[in-house]
């Protein structure tokens, strides 16, 4: 079998360094690139076409859920494994609904991650036992209606703008970052407030944290 080409996406360099060292020791695997946020991950995937992306869920600029959705829309052959400290349902179901093929927790043993990479590269899915429990429970408990809160009502672009607002960027910075006009950013913000029935940035920020778009951990 040809070498499995892996891209690492995590905003902590020490985690990327550790994973890279371990993966490169595995036969038939190589790390071809690293990214510290979702937006850079999307760009690198388009350019390099890795077989597997190891994706952190909570990252600045663009989180893992939105990055996964964008990657699989634009580069369908790539497989994504979520590697996260979060086991709550909104993160797990968010990643799986975005199209991830696997989900592991950061406290797993490396052997489990290596197994997951091989499974997923071979076209299968891989969930660690604790995550499989969350998924089963999530689907059993699921009430009719949107899957994880009203986050589902926002468009992908609105979610991008919301994450950047919640991370403290001003409208002018967001406009420059996304190559749109300030007026467009203001329109997105107004539309989000109307859709979510919220009155200010503080409420939007709380909502973004609750929906897992941004993390309150450092």
Protein backbone atom coordinates (compact mmCIF):
# COMPACT_ATOMS: atom_id res chain seq x y z
CA UNK A 1 0.00 0.00 0.00
CA UNK A 2 1.24 3.50 -0.79
CA UNK A 3 2.25 5.89 1.98
CA UNK A 4 -0.62 7.58 3.83
CA UNK A 5 -0.11 11.35 3.57
CA UNK A 6 -1.25 13.13 6.73
CA UNK A 7 -1.94 16.80 7.43
CA UNK A 8 -1.96 17.94 11.09
CA UNK A 9 -4.30 20.76 12.16
CA UNK A 10 -4.00 21.93 15.78
CA UNK A 11 -3.40 25.37 17.27
CA UNK A 12 -0.89 24.01 19.82
CA UNK A 13 2.57 23.55 18.31
CA UNK A 14 3.64 21.09 21.02
CA UNK A 15 0.79 18.75 20.05
CA UNK A 16 1.64 18.99 16.34
CA UNK A 17 5.32 18.32 17.10
CA UNK A 18 4.47 15.28 19.25
CA UNK A 19 2.07 13.83 16.69
CA UNK A 20 4.49 14.41 13.84
CA UNK A 21 7.29 12.57 15.67
CA UNK A 22 5.03 9.59 16.41
CA UNK A 23 3.42 9.42 12.96
CA UNK A 24 6.76 9.59 11.15
CA UNK A 25 7.91 6.52 13.14
CA UNK A 26 4.97 4.51 11.78
CA UNK A 27 5.60 2.47 8.65
CA UNK A 28 3.67 3.75 5.64
CA UNK A 29 2.76 7.20 7.03
CA UNK A 30 4.19 10.67 6.54
CA UNK A 31 3.21 14.16 7.72
CA UNK A 32 3.14 16.44 4.67
CA UNK A 33 2.01 19.70 6.32
CA UNK A 34 0.81 21.39 9.51
CA UNK A 35 -1.71 24.16 10.20
CA UNK A 36 -2.62 26.10 13.32
CA UNK A 37 -6.16 27.13 12.31
CA UNK A 38 -9.04 25.93 10.17
CA UNK A 39 -8.66 28.49 7.40
CA UNK A 40 -5.01 27.54 6.75
CA UNK A 41 -6.00 23.84 6.87
CA UNK A 42 -8.57 24.36 4.09
CA UNK A 43 -5.98 26.15 1.93
CA UNK A 44 -3.32 23.45 2.46
CA UNK A 45 -5.77 20.63 1.70
CA UNK A 46 -6.73 22.27 -1.62
CA UNK A 47 -3.05 22.64 -2.50
CA UNK A 48 -1.61 19.31 -1.25
CA UNK A 49 -4.51 16.80 -1.31
CA UNK A 50 -3.50 14.72 1.75
CA UNK A 51 -5.15 11.33 2.37
CA UNK A 52 -6.04 12.09 5.99
CA UNK A 53 -6.40 15.31 8.02
CA UNK A 54 -6.05 15.06 11.82
CA UNK A 55 -8.31 17.94 12.87
CA UNK A 56 -8.56 19.68 16.21
CA UNK A 57 -12.14 20.85 16.82
CA UNK A 58 -11.47 24.12 18.70
CA UNK A 59 -9.15 26.33 16.65
CA UNK A 60 -8.97 30.09 16.10
CA UNK A 61 -9.99 31.86 12.86
CA UNK A 62 -12.04 28.89 11.63
CA UNK A 63 -13.00 25.98 13.89
CA UNK A 64 -12.64 22.31 12.98
CA UNK A 65 -16.33 21.74 12.26
CA UNK A 66 -16.57 24.50 9.64
CA UNK A 67 -13.14 23.64 8.21
CA UNK A 68 -14.18 19.97 7.82
CA UNK A 69 -17.40 20.94 6.06
CA UNK A 70 -15.53 23.24 3.67
CA UNK A 71 -12.79 20.69 2.94
CA UNK A 72 -15.26 17.92 2.10
CA UNK A 73 -17.33 20.23 -0.11
CA UNK A 74 -14.24 21.32 -2.06
CA UNK A 75 -11.96 18.22 -1.89
CA UNK A 76 -14.27 15.20 -1.45
CA UNK A 77 -11.61 12.44 -1.48
CA UNK A 78 -9.90 13.66 1.70
CA UNK A 79 -10.71 11.91 5.00
CA UNK A 80 -10.89 13.80 8.30
CA UNK A 81 -10.29 12.47 11.82
CA UNK A 82 -11.28 14.73 14.70
CA UNK A 83 -8.80 14.68 17.58
CA UNK A 84 -10.22 16.71 20.44
CA UNK A 85 -10.31 17.17 24.20
CA UNK A 86 -14.09 17.63 23.89
CA UNK A 87 -16.42 14.67 24.25
CA UNK A 88 -19.67 16.63 24.53
CA UNK A 89 -22.32 15.89 22.01
CA UNK A 90 -22.39 19.21 20.17
CA UNK A 91 -18.73 18.83 19.14
CA UNK A 92 -18.97 15.12 18.29
CA UNK A 93 -22.19 15.33 16.28
CA UNK A 94 -21.05 18.64 14.75
CA UNK A 95 -17.87 17.01 13.38
CA UNK A 96 -19.62 13.84 12.19
CA UNK A 97 -22.41 15.81 10.51
CA UNK A 98 -19.74 17.96 8.81
CA UNK A 99 -18.39 14.72 7.32
CA UNK A 100 -15.53 13.57 9.57
CA UNK A 101 -14.75 9.84 9.25
CA UNK A 102 -13.37 9.45 12.78
CA UNK A 103 -13.36 11.04 16.23
CA UNK A 104 -10.83 10.38 19.01
CA UNK A 105 -10.08 12.09 22.29
CA UNK A 106 -6.67 13.62 22.96
CA UNK A 107 -6.11 11.33 25.94
CA UNK A 108 -6.12 8.25 23.67
CA UNK A 109 -2.98 6.15 23.20
CA UNK A 110 -1.05 6.83 19.99
CA UNK A 111 -1.62 3.20 18.87
CA UNK A 112 -5.34 3.99 18.70
CA UNK A 113 -4.72 7.05 16.52
CA UNK A 114 -2.46 5.01 14.19
CA UNK A 115 -5.24 2.39 13.89
CA UNK A 116 -7.77 5.16 13.17
CA UNK A 117 -5.54 6.68 10.45
CA UNK A 118 -5.19 3.30 8.71
CA UNK A 119 -8.94 2.55 9.00
CA UNK A 120 -10.02 5.93 7.71
CA UNK A 121 -7.44 5.98 4.88
CA UNK A 122 -8.85 2.58 3.84
CA UNK A 123 -12.35 4.06 3.50
CA UNK A 124 -13.75 3.01 6.89
CA UNK A 125 -14.82 5.06 9.91
CA UNK A 126 -13.32 5.00 13.39
CA UNK A 127 -14.83 6.19 16.68
CA UNK A 128 -13.16 5.62 20.03
CA UNK A 129 -15.45 3.65 22.41
CA UNK A 130 -16.29 6.71 24.57
CA UNK A 131 -17.23 8.70 21.47
CA UNK A 132 -19.32 5.85 20.04
CA UNK A 133 -21.33 5.95 23.28
CA UNK A 134 -21.90 9.70 22.92
CA UNK A 135 -23.04 9.23 19.30
CA UNK A 136 -25.46 6.41 20.10
CA UNK A 137 -26.88 8.35 23.04
CA UNK A 138 -27.05 11.49 20.91
CA UNK A 139 -29.12 9.82 18.23
CA UNK A 140 -31.36 8.02 20.72
CA UNK A 141 -32.06 11.26 22.62
CA UNK A 142 -32.46 13.36 19.52
CA UNK A 143 -35.69 15.30 19.47
CA UNK A 144 -37.19 16.28 16.12
CA UNK A 145 -35.83 19.57 14.81
CA UNK A 146 -32.35 21.02 14.27
CA UNK A 147 -29.48 18.76 15.20
CA UNK A 148 -27.45 20.92 17.54
CA UNK A 149 -29.19 24.09 18.53
CA UNK A 150 -30.08 26.96 16.27
CA UNK A 151 -26.51 27.00 14.93
CA UNK A 152 -28.03 25.10 12.03
CA UNK A 153 -29.94 28.24 10.93
CA UNK A 154 -26.77 30.24 10.22
CA UNK A 155 -25.11 30.04 6.80
CA UNK A 156 -21.46 28.89 6.62
CA UNK A 157 -20.36 32.51 5.96
CA UNK A 158 -22.38 33.78 8.95
CA UNK A 159 -20.72 31.14 11.14
CA UNK A 160 -17.29 32.34 9.93
CA UNK A 161 -18.15 35.97 10.72
CA UNK A 162 -19.62 34.99 14.09
CA UNK A 163 -16.46 33.11 15.11
CA UNK A 164 -14.25 36.07 14.19
CA UNK A 165 -16.55 38.52 16.04
CA UNK A 166 -16.52 36.26 19.10
CA UNK A 167 -12.71 36.15 18.94
CA UNK A 168 -12.68 39.94 19.27
CA UNK A 169 -12.10 41.10 15.69
CA UNK A 170 -13.60 44.43 14.64
CA UNK A 171 -15.82 44.60 11.53
CA UNK A 172 -13.04 46.33 9.56
CA UNK A 173 -10.52 43.57 10.44
CA UNK A 174 -13.02 40.84 9.52
CA UNK A 175 -13.74 42.53 6.19
CA UNK A 176 -10.04 42.62 5.35
CA UNK A 177 -9.52 39.04 6.58
CA UNK A 178 -12.35 37.63 4.45
CA UNK A 179 -11.84 39.99 1.48
CA UNK A 180 -15.33 41.47 1.72
CA UNK A 181 -16.61 44.99 2.43
CA UNK A 182 -17.28 46.31 5.94
CA UNK A 183 -20.89 46.75 4.84
CA UNK A 184 -21.13 43.01 4.06
CA UNK A 185 -19.80 42.15 7.53
CA UNK A 186 -22.32 44.53 9.14
CA UNK A 187 -25.11 42.92 7.09
CA UNK A 188 -24.08 39.44 8.25
CA UNK A 189 -24.01 40.64 11.86
CA UNK A 190 -27.45 42.23 11.55
CA UNK A 191 -28.89 39.09 9.89
CA UNK A 192 -27.46 36.88 12.66
CA UNK A 193 -28.94 39.06 15.38
CA UNK A 194 -32.35 38.92 13.66
CA UNK A 195 -32.21 35.14 13.10
CA UNK A 196 -31.09 34.43 16.67
CA UNK A 197 -33.17 37.21 18.24
CA UNK A 198 -30.13 38.75 19.94
CA UNK A 199 -29.30 42.36 20.67
CA UNK A 200 -25.52 42.72 20.86
CA UNK A 201 -22.03 41.31 20.44
CA UNK A 202 -21.98 39.99 24.04
CA UNK A 203 -25.04 37.80 23.37
CA UNK A 204 -23.61 36.65 20.04
CA UNK A 205 -20.30 35.75 21.73
CA UNK A 206 -22.06 33.70 24.43
CA UNK A 207 -24.00 31.93 21.70
CA UNK A 208 -20.78 31.19 19.74
CA UNK A 209 -19.20 29.63 22.87
CA UNK A 210 -22.33 27.60 23.62
CA UNK A 211 -22.47 26.27 20.03
CA UNK A 212 -18.80 25.28 20.08
CA UNK A 213 -17.76 27.84 17.43
CA UNK A 214 -15.16 29.24 19.81
CA UNK A 215 -13.60 27.74 22.89
CA UNK A 216 -13.17 29.50 26.21
CA UNK A 217 -10.03 27.50 26.95
CA UNK A 218 -6.69 29.06 26.06
